[in-house]
Every structure is written in structure tokens, then in C-alpha cells.
Amino acid sequence: MPLPGTTTSSKGLVGRSHIDWLLFLAAASLMLFSVAFVYSASAYFADVKFGSPERMFIGHTLRVLASFIIIILFARIDYHSLQRHSKPLLFFALGCLVFVLAAGTTIKGAKRWIGFGSLSFQPAELAKFALVLHVARLLAEKQSYIKDLQRAFLPILFWISIVAALIAVQPNFSTAVVIVALGVLMLFIGNAHILHIVAFLAIGFLGGIAYGMTEEYRAQRITDFLHQLSTIFDADNIRHVNYQLQQALLAFGNGGLLGMGPGQSRQRDWFLPESYGDFIFSIIGEEYGFIGVTLIVLAFTVIVWRGFVTARRAPDYFGRFLASGITITFALYAFINMGVTTGILPTTGLPLPFISYGGTAILFSAAALGILLNISAQARKQA
């Protein structure tokens, strides 16, 4: 459904003059510098576990190179062609989520991966972007009656809820919460009735708290967050809560203004768990200081800014909502990851987009960025 006064383009090829270079260069810079970040954060761990400090560095470098190919590929595919494939893709993603519960690889007590020999695939990443694609399609198709509860809001909410539920039972509660937040923000941007959104948020909040308290480790994270950097006394011992956060803040403190220098981190060597993954932002702060952290935040700010500019200028409703969903995804993951490492949010296991070590997340982020570039290019071409 085109926006008033616009026409959709049937050409998906992107010319050099139509590329949003600010958006591309901001994301490309994060991916390129992530190679150095991951090598520094993972070298000691990889040497102990695999006998080679370059093991994880090589794998991440190959995925970054593959990501650039994926960006170029999806930037040259007309995003309108994805619209009719949104439901089959979402059904496939749901099938993968069901399969991983039945026969997935268990790592650290959770079934979140489908293994293929030495390779692994995390279906939640596919489901996240498949949901964004399908919700964007439904919002575009239902704009004329988007405030209708039964015809618009509930059908869209059904898909958001089922994806979030399947991810929550892996268990992957933090990603499920992000999925719900992403869906709600897309509904808000898509002009859904505000009372419907508020009612769902109230029910979802109470349900989330109840579910979060059903497992001891989730309840412990909430308790730890409420007792930030404090000491809990019990009958047997004294234990310090939020160990990861304490080590992350020590890393930021070590970095100061200019940092200790590339490869000079002290916290990465067994002090800070997941220093190459979920907590890589603190290693960046330690080695590159406040200046380095500020540049990372600036790069994400540019991505989010250009993403919303793309959404505003999109040639049609589908492009507007798809660009918004992709941009919100990048923004949520970046904000939550940074918030966790700096102590303003409870500890979760969400990666920093384009930077953290891990194959599935960076590859799907690259595909989403390529789609965003295509929407931007078509908007520029039409203008």
C-alpha cells in the first residue's frame, strides 16, 4: 500500500549514488573494528581452550567477510519481493524454534542452538527478523482498519506472542522480552490503538514478572540487580553479587579517558566471563577508554538516526514499517547490551550488534542492514 503521493519501484538494484553511505560506513566500521576487539578479548581464552589464540579470531573474521557479501546481496534485492515471502519464512523460523526444543544442542543448560558438526545455528535470530518482516507486512495491509481489535491488533499480537513464547521456553527470557518490546514498538509506530497497546503491556508485564520468578537463576538476577554492587550475608558465607558487573566496571575504570591500549586488557583473562561476547563493550572501554566507547555509541547513534530517516522517507507503508522494525532491533540490542555492561539494566545474554563474537547474530544483522540500505536507496531514487 503506497503512501499518499508516492509510487513503488519494481527495481531492486542499488546504484552507488543511491547508497546511504553514512548508514553503511557506520555499520561497516563497527564490523571491521570488531575483528580487533574480538581478537583482543578472546586470544587468552582461545589459547587455553583450543591451543591457538587465533582460533576465535579467524572464525569471527570469516563471518565478518561473509557479512559484507550478505549486505551487498540484500542491498541489491528489491525489498518488495520479501513481502510475499514473510509468512513462509516465519513458519520456517517457528519450525526451527520447535525443532530446537526437541533436538537442539544444549549449552549452559539451555537449548538455543541447532548443531551441524562444528557449526551451530541459533533459530531465535532468524525468528526475530522473520517476525519483523511479517509484522511490517501485516501493519501495511491492515492500515485502513489498524485500530480494530479483532481484525488487526489481535492477529498481529498472535504472531508476536507465539515467537516470544517459543523463545522463552528454551529458556531465553531476555530475548523473549526484547521480541515483545520490538513488537509493541512496531505496533505503536504502525498506528495501533494506544489503549490496546497499554492493556497488552500491563498483562505482559505481570506475566513476565511471574514467569521470571519461576526459575531461581532468573529470580537471582533480579535480586542481584536490586542489590547492585552490594554484599549479601547468609548463614554460610559472604558472597558478592553481580560478579560480571563488578569486573565490567573495573574494566571501564582501568580504561580511563584514553584506554590501556589495544591488547592490554587485564579483565579479559578469566576475570570477566564472556569478555568476547556479551561483555565485549567493557573490554573496548578498558583498552580504548572513554574516547573509544564514545565512538562506538556515536556509530550506533548514526545507524539509528539513518534508519529512522529511511523509515520516514520509505516509498510505501511496508518499507516504512520494515525499516522501523530493523532500526528498533539494532537500537534495542545496542542499548540493552551497553546498559547491562554499565549496570543500569539487569544482566542478560544479548550480544552487541555487529561487534560481539558469534556467527548467527552478525550474519542476520548484516542481512537486515542490507534490506535497510535497499529501502533507503529506493526512497532516494524516487526522490
Protein backbone atom coordinates (compact mmCIF):
# COMPACT_ATOMS: atom_id res chain seq x y z
CA MET A 1 0.00 0.00 0.00
CA PRO A 2 1.80 3.13 -1.20
CA LEU A 3 1.95 6.23 0.91
CA PRO A 4 -0.03 9.21 -0.39
CA GLY A 5 1.68 10.84 -3.33
CA THR A 6 4.21 8.03 -3.88
CA THR A 7 4.68 5.07 -6.17
CA THR A 8 6.55 1.87 -5.53
CA SER A 9 9.57 0.88 -7.55
CA SER A 10 9.90 -2.53 -9.16
CA LYS A 11 13.66 -2.18 -9.43
CA GLY A 12 15.71 -3.55 -6.57
CA LEU A 13 19.18 -2.83 -7.93
CA VAL A 14 21.01 -0.17 -5.99
CA GLY A 15 23.32 2.32 -7.65
CA ARG A 16 26.33 3.91 -5.97
CA SER A 17 24.66 7.32 -5.93
CA HIS A 18 21.65 5.94 -4.04
CA ILE A 19 23.53 4.23 -1.22
CA ASP A 20 23.14 5.76 2.23
CA TRP A 21 26.88 5.95 2.84
CA LEU A 22 26.57 7.24 6.40
CA LEU A 23 24.49 4.19 7.37
CA PHE A 24 26.76 1.76 5.55
CA LEU A 25 30.03 3.22 6.80
CA ALA A 26 28.85 3.35 10.43
CA ALA A 27 27.91 -0.34 10.41
CA ALA A 28 30.93 -1.36 8.32
CA SER A 29 33.26 0.42 10.75
CA LEU A 30 31.78 -1.47 13.69
CA MET A 31 32.24 -4.80 11.90
CA LEU A 32 35.79 -4.07 10.80
CA PHE A 33 36.91 -2.87 14.22
CA SER A 34 35.12 -5.84 15.83
CA VAL A 35 37.85 -8.06 14.37
CA ALA A 36 40.45 -6.34 16.56
CA PHE A 37 38.08 -6.21 19.53
CA VAL A 38 37.26 -9.92 19.37
CA TYR A 39 40.89 -10.93 18.87
CA SER A 40 41.99 -8.99 21.93
CA ALA A 41 39.09 -10.21 24.08
CA SER A 42 39.30 -13.87 23.04
CA ALA A 43 43.04 -14.58 22.50
CA TYR A 44 43.84 -15.80 26.01
CA PHE A 45 40.64 -17.86 26.30
CA ALA A 46 41.13 -19.41 22.84
CA ASP A 47 44.74 -20.27 23.61
CA VAL A 48 43.74 -22.13 26.79
CA LYS A 49 40.68 -23.88 25.33
CA PHE A 50 41.78 -24.58 21.75
CA GLY A 51 45.55 -24.28 21.94
CA SER A 52 45.56 -21.39 19.47
CA PRO A 53 44.99 -17.70 20.34
CA GLU A 54 43.86 -17.07 16.74
CA ARG A 55 41.13 -19.73 16.70
CA MET A 56 38.16 -17.49 17.53
CA PHE A 57 39.71 -14.51 15.74
CA ILE A 58 39.85 -16.42 12.44
CA GLY A 59 36.27 -17.62 12.77
CA HIS A 60 34.99 -14.14 13.51
CA THR A 61 37.00 -12.63 10.65
CA LEU A 62 35.48 -15.09 8.18
CA ARG A 63 31.99 -14.25 9.42
CA VAL A 64 32.67 -10.53 9.05
CA LEU A 65 33.79 -11.09 5.44
CA ALA A 66 30.67 -13.18 4.81
CA SER A 67 28.59 -10.38 6.35
CA PHE A 68 29.84 -7.86 3.79
CA ILE A 69 28.80 -10.22 1.00
CA ILE A 70 25.38 -10.61 2.60
CA ILE A 71 24.97 -6.84 2.93
CA ILE A 72 25.73 -6.34 -0.76
CA LEU A 73 23.40 -9.18 -1.76
CA PHE A 74 20.39 -7.96 0.24
CA ALA A 75 21.02 -4.33 -0.71
CA ARG A 76 20.52 -5.36 -4.35
CA ILE A 77 17.29 -7.34 -3.73
CA ASP A 78 14.08 -5.33 -4.03
CA TYR A 79 12.63 -5.34 -0.53
CA HIS A 80 9.10 -5.60 -2.00
CA SER A 81 9.94 -9.14 -3.12
CA LEU A 82 10.36 -10.12 0.54
CA GLN A 83 6.81 -9.11 1.38
CA ARG A 84 5.13 -12.15 -0.14
CA HIS A 85 7.64 -14.49 1.49
CA SER A 86 7.15 -13.18 5.03
CA LYS A 87 4.67 -15.85 6.18
CA PRO A 88 6.59 -18.87 4.76
CA LEU A 89 9.80 -17.51 6.32
CA LEU A 90 8.09 -17.04 9.68
CA PHE A 91 6.63 -20.56 9.54
CA PHE A 92 10.11 -21.91 8.81
CA ALA A 93 11.53 -19.95 11.75
CA LEU A 94 8.78 -21.28 14.03
CA GLY A 95 9.57 -24.80 12.85
CA CYS A 96 13.21 -24.25 13.76
CA LEU A 97 12.20 -22.99 17.21
CA VAL A 98 10.10 -26.12 17.80
CA PHE A 99 12.90 -28.35 16.49
CA VAL A 100 15.49 -26.78 18.77
CA LEU A 101 13.28 -27.54 21.80
CA ALA A 102 13.07 -31.19 20.78
CA ALA A 103 16.54 -31.90 19.43
CA GLY A 104 18.62 -28.76 19.88
CA THR A 105 22.13 -28.60 21.27
CA THR A 106 22.17 -27.85 24.99
CA ILE A 107 24.80 -25.31 26.06
CA LYS A 108 24.92 -23.93 29.61
CA GLY A 109 21.56 -25.52 30.41
CA ALA A 110 19.63 -24.00 27.50
CA LYS A 111 18.51 -25.42 24.15
CA ARG A 112 19.08 -22.48 21.84
CA TRP A 113 21.23 -23.93 19.06
CA ILE A 114 20.87 -26.37 16.19
CA GLY A 115 24.23 -28.03 15.62
CA PHE A 116 25.74 -29.04 12.26
CA GLY A 117 29.01 -30.69 13.19
CA SER A 118 31.33 -27.94 14.37
CA LEU A 119 28.84 -25.26 13.26
CA SER A 120 25.79 -24.08 15.18
CA PHE A 121 22.72 -22.02 14.29
CA GLN A 122 20.53 -20.04 16.68
CA PRO A 123 16.91 -20.06 15.41
CA ALA A 124 15.94 -17.13 17.65
CA GLU A 125 17.95 -14.79 15.41
CA LEU A 126 16.09 -15.97 12.31
CA ALA A 127 12.75 -15.76 14.13
CA LYS A 128 13.45 -12.20 15.27
CA PHE A 129 13.95 -10.83 11.76
CA ALA A 130 11.25 -13.04 10.23
CA LEU A 131 8.83 -11.58 12.77
CA VAL A 132 9.87 -8.01 11.90
CA LEU A 133 9.27 -8.78 8.22
CA HIS A 134 5.83 -10.31 8.79
CA VAL A 135 4.62 -7.70 11.28
CA ALA A 136 5.66 -4.97 8.82
CA ARG A 137 3.61 -6.72 6.12
CA LEU A 138 0.54 -7.06 8.37
CA LEU A 139 0.74 -3.45 9.52
CA ALA A 140 0.92 -2.29 5.91
CA GLU A 141 -2.00 -4.46 4.80
CA LYS A 142 -4.23 -3.51 7.74
CA GLN A 143 -3.62 0.26 7.84
CA SER A 144 -7.20 1.10 6.82
CA TYR A 145 -8.53 -0.70 9.91
CA ILE A 146 -5.43 -0.86 12.11
CA LYS A 147 -7.31 0.28 15.25
CA ASP A 148 -9.73 -2.65 15.05
CA LEU A 149 -9.01 -5.07 17.92
CA GLN A 150 -10.17 -8.31 16.32
CA ARG A 151 -9.21 -7.71 12.71
CA ALA A 152 -5.84 -6.01 13.23
CA PHE A 153 -4.38 -5.90 16.74
CA LEU A 154 -5.04 -9.48 17.89
CA PRO A 155 -3.85 -11.19 14.66
CA ILE A 156 -0.57 -9.27 14.81
CA LEU A 157 -0.25 -9.87 18.55
CA PHE A 158 -0.70 -13.61 17.96
CA TRP A 159 2.49 -13.86 15.93
CA ILE A 160 4.46 -11.72 18.39
CA SER A 161 3.28 -13.84 21.32
CA ILE A 162 3.95 -17.24 19.77
CA VAL A 163 7.51 -16.31 18.76
CA ALA A 164 8.22 -14.84 22.20
CA ALA A 165 6.75 -17.90 23.96
CA LEU A 166 8.81 -20.41 21.97
CA ILE A 167 11.98 -18.45 22.69
CA ALA A 168 11.12 -18.04 26.40
CA VAL A 169 10.84 -21.80 26.99
CA GLN A 170 14.33 -22.56 25.58
CA PRO A 171 14.88 -20.83 28.09
CA ASN A 172 15.89 -17.44 26.68
CA PHE A 173 13.83 -15.00 28.69
CA SER A 174 15.81 -11.86 27.84
CA THR A 175 15.44 -12.37 24.08
CA ALA A 176 11.72 -13.11 24.52
CA VAL A 177 11.29 -9.80 26.37
CA VAL A 178 13.10 -7.96 23.57
CA ILE A 179 10.84 -9.66 21.00
CA VAL A 180 7.76 -8.41 22.85
CA ALA A 181 9.21 -4.90 23.18
CA LEU A 182 10.08 -4.89 19.48
CA GLY A 183 6.56 -5.98 18.52
CA VAL A 184 4.92 -3.39 20.76
CA LEU A 185 7.06 -0.57 19.36
CA MET A 186 6.21 -1.64 15.81
CA LEU A 187 2.51 -1.66 16.71
CA PHE A 188 2.87 1.85 18.14
CA ILE A 189 4.63 3.13 15.01
CA GLY A 190 2.01 1.30 12.92
CA ASN A 191 -0.77 3.41 14.49
CA ALA A 192 -2.38 0.61 16.52
CA HIS A 193 -4.88 1.72 19.17
CA ILE A 194 -2.95 3.03 22.17
CA LEU A 195 -5.41 1.52 24.68
CA HIS A 196 -4.88 -1.94 23.15
CA ILE A 197 -1.12 -1.50 23.48
CA VAL A 198 -1.34 -0.30 27.11
CA ALA A 199 -3.62 -3.21 28.06
CA PHE A 200 -1.24 -5.72 26.50
CA LEU A 201 1.76 -4.13 28.20
CA ALA A 202 0.04 -4.36 31.59
CA ILE A 203 -0.84 -8.03 31.11
CA GLY A 204 2.58 -8.80 29.63
CA PHE A 205 4.41 -7.08 32.48
CA LEU A 206 2.58 -9.05 35.15
CA GLY A 207 3.01 -12.29 33.21
CA GLY A 208 6.70 -11.59 32.64
CA ILE A 209 7.33 -10.97 36.34
CA ALA A 210 5.50 -14.19 37.26
CA TYR A 211 7.43 -16.21 34.66
CA GLY A 212 10.72 -14.59 35.60
CA MET A 213 10.33 -15.72 39.20
CA THR A 214 9.66 -19.38 38.27
CA GLU A 215 13.38 -20.17 37.90
CA GLU A 216 15.93 -19.49 40.59
CA TYR A 217 18.57 -18.05 38.26
CA ARG A 218 16.12 -15.51 36.80
CA ALA A 219 14.94 -14.51 40.26
CA GLN A 220 18.58 -14.25 41.34
CA ARG A 221 19.35 -11.83 38.50
CA ILE A 222 16.53 -9.58 39.64
CA THR A 223 17.73 -9.79 43.25
CA ASP A 224 21.31 -9.08 42.19
CA PHE A 225 20.22 -6.05 40.21
CA LEU A 226 18.28 -4.68 43.18
CA HIS A 227 21.34 -5.18 45.38
CA GLN A 228 23.67 -3.56 42.87
CA LEU A 229 27.32 -3.99 43.83
CA SER A 230 26.30 -4.86 47.39
CA THR A 231 27.23 -7.76 49.64
CA ILE A 232 24.67 -10.34 50.76
CA PHE A 233 25.22 -12.04 54.12
CA ASP A 234 23.80 -15.52 54.59
CA ALA A 235 24.23 -18.27 57.17
CA ASP A 236 27.19 -19.89 55.44
CA ASN A 237 29.27 -17.22 53.81
CA ILE A 238 29.58 -13.75 52.40
CA ARG A 239 29.21 -13.59 48.66
CA HIS A 240 29.44 -10.68 46.29
CA VAL A 241 26.59 -10.38 43.83
CA ASN A 242 26.88 -9.23 40.23
CA TYR A 243 30.38 -10.61 39.71
CA GLN A 244 30.25 -9.94 35.97
CA LEU A 245 29.14 -6.38 36.51
CA GLN A 246 31.87 -5.74 39.06
CA GLN A 247 34.52 -6.97 36.64
CA ALA A 248 32.98 -4.99 33.77
CA LEU A 249 33.04 -1.78 35.80
CA LEU A 250 36.64 -2.47 36.80
CA ALA A 251 37.44 -2.70 33.09
CA PHE A 252 35.82 0.67 32.40
CA GLY A 253 37.70 2.14 35.37
CA ASN A 254 41.01 0.78 34.12
CA GLY A 255 40.41 2.37 30.72
CA GLY A 256 40.00 5.92 31.91
CA LEU A 257 39.96 8.54 29.17
CA LEU A 258 42.31 7.08 26.55
CA GLY A 259 42.41 3.41 27.49
CA MET A 260 45.23 1.00 28.27
CA GLY A 261 45.90 0.33 24.59
CA PRO A 262 44.90 -2.46 22.17
CA GLY A 263 45.52 -5.91 23.61
CA GLN A 264 46.36 -4.56 27.10
CA SER A 265 43.16 -5.57 28.89
CA ARG A 266 43.56 -7.11 32.34
CA GLN A 267 39.97 -8.18 32.91
CA ARG A 268 39.65 -10.44 29.85
CA ASP A 269 41.96 -13.13 31.26
CA TRP A 270 39.42 -15.17 33.25
CA PHE A 271 38.25 -12.25 35.37
CA LEU A 272 35.37 -11.27 33.06
CA PRO A 273 33.23 -14.13 31.67
CA GLU A 274 32.03 -13.72 28.06
CA SER A 275 34.52 -10.90 27.52
CA TYR A 276 34.44 -11.57 23.76
CA GLY A 277 30.64 -11.85 23.60
CA ASP A 278 28.04 -10.20 25.79
CA PHE A 279 30.58 -8.11 27.74
CA ILE A 280 32.89 -7.05 24.91
CA PHE A 281 31.78 -3.44 25.36
CA SER A 282 33.61 -3.28 28.71
CA ILE A 283 36.81 -4.63 27.12
CA ILE A 284 36.55 -1.89 24.50
CA GLY A 285 36.22 0.61 27.34
CA GLU A 286 39.29 -0.80 29.08
CA GLU A 287 41.54 -0.82 26.01
CA TYR A 288 40.27 2.27 24.18
CA GLY A 289 38.95 4.32 27.09
CA PHE A 290 36.11 6.81 27.18
CA ILE A 291 37.05 8.05 23.71
CA GLY A 292 36.68 4.58 22.20
CA VAL A 293 33.37 3.93 23.95
CA THR A 294 32.07 7.32 22.78
CA LEU A 295 32.93 6.50 19.16
CA ILE A 296 31.07 3.17 19.42
CA VAL A 297 28.00 4.93 20.83
CA LEU A 298 28.27 7.56 18.08
CA ALA A 299 28.35 4.86 15.39
CA PHE A 300 25.17 3.26 16.76
CA THR A 301 23.57 6.69 17.00
CA VAL A 302 24.27 7.25 13.30
CA ILE A 303 22.79 3.82 12.44
CA VAL A 304 19.61 4.50 14.40
CA TRP A 305 19.32 8.05 13.04
CA ARG A 306 19.73 6.99 9.42
CA GLY A 307 17.43 4.03 9.99
CA PHE A 308 14.56 6.22 11.14
CA VAL A 309 15.26 8.71 8.34
CA THR A 310 14.95 5.78 5.94
CA ALA A 311 11.66 4.75 7.55
CA ARG A 312 10.27 8.27 7.26
CA ARG A 313 11.22 8.54 3.58
CA ALA A 314 10.24 4.98 2.57
CA PRO A 315 8.16 4.78 -0.63
CA ASP A 316 5.33 2.79 0.97
CA TYR A 317 3.90 1.57 4.27
CA PHE A 318 5.67 -1.79 4.08
CA GLY A 319 9.03 -0.11 3.64
CA ARG A 320 8.29 2.33 6.45
CA PHE A 321 7.38 -0.37 8.97
CA LEU A 322 10.13 -2.74 7.86
CA ALA A 323 12.79 -0.04 8.19
CA SER A 324 11.38 0.95 11.57
CA GLY A 325 11.43 -2.65 12.82
CA ILE A 326 15.01 -3.24 11.72
CA THR A 327 16.18 0.04 13.25
CA ILE A 328 14.38 -0.65 16.53
CA THR A 329 16.03 -4.08 16.68
CA PHE A 330 19.52 -2.58 16.35
CA ALA A 331 18.69 0.13 18.88
CA LEU A 332 17.23 -2.25 21.49
CA TYR A 333 20.10 -4.71 21.33
CA ALA A 334 22.75 -2.00 21.47
CA PHE A 335 21.07 -0.13 24.32
CA ILE A 336 20.43 -3.27 26.39
CA ASN A 337 23.95 -4.62 25.91
CA MET A 338 25.53 -1.31 26.89
CA GLY A 339 23.07 -0.92 29.75
CA VAL A 340 23.97 -4.35 31.14
CA THR A 341 27.72 -3.77 30.99
CA THR A 342 27.40 -0.40 32.73
CA GLY A 343 24.98 -1.64 35.40
CA ILE A 344 21.84 0.29 34.51
CA LEU A 345 20.00 -2.90 33.44
CA PRO A 346 19.86 -6.45 34.87
CA THR A 347 22.34 -8.96 33.45
CA THR A 348 21.16 -10.60 30.21
CA GLY A 349 22.80 -12.55 27.44
CA LEU A 350 22.25 -10.23 24.47
CA PRO A 351 25.13 -9.53 22.04
CA LEU A 352 26.30 -6.12 20.90
CA PRO A 353 25.20 -5.84 17.22
CA PHE A 354 27.96 -6.03 14.59
CA ILE A 355 30.64 -6.44 17.28
CA SER A 356 30.15 -9.39 19.65
CA TYR A 357 31.65 -12.77 18.78
CA GLY A 358 29.11 -15.20 17.34
CA GLY A 359 28.06 -16.30 13.89
CA THR A 360 24.26 -16.23 13.72
CA ALA A 361 23.72 -12.75 15.12
CA ILE A 362 26.18 -10.89 12.91
CA LEU A 363 25.03 -12.67 9.73
CA PHE A 364 21.35 -11.88 10.27
CA SER A 365 22.22 -8.32 11.29
CA ALA A 366 24.09 -7.99 8.01
CA ALA A 367 21.04 -9.21 6.06
CA ALA A 368 18.82 -6.74 7.91
CA LEU A 369 21.27 -3.91 7.19
CA GLY A 370 21.24 -4.81 3.50
CA ILE A 371 17.44 -4.63 3.45
CA LEU A 372 17.57 -1.25 5.19
CA LEU A 373 20.04 0.01 2.58
CA ASN A 374 17.72 -1.15 -0.20
CA ILE A 375 14.74 0.69 1.30
CA SER A 376 16.89 3.82 1.65
CA ALA A 377 18.16 3.53 -1.91
CA GLN A 378 14.67 3.19 -3.36
CA ALA A 379 13.50 6.19 -1.36
CA ARG A 380 16.45 8.25 -2.61
CA LYS A 381 15.97 7.08 -6.18
CA GLN A 382 12.29 8.00 -6.14
CA ALA A 383 13.00 11.39 -4.58
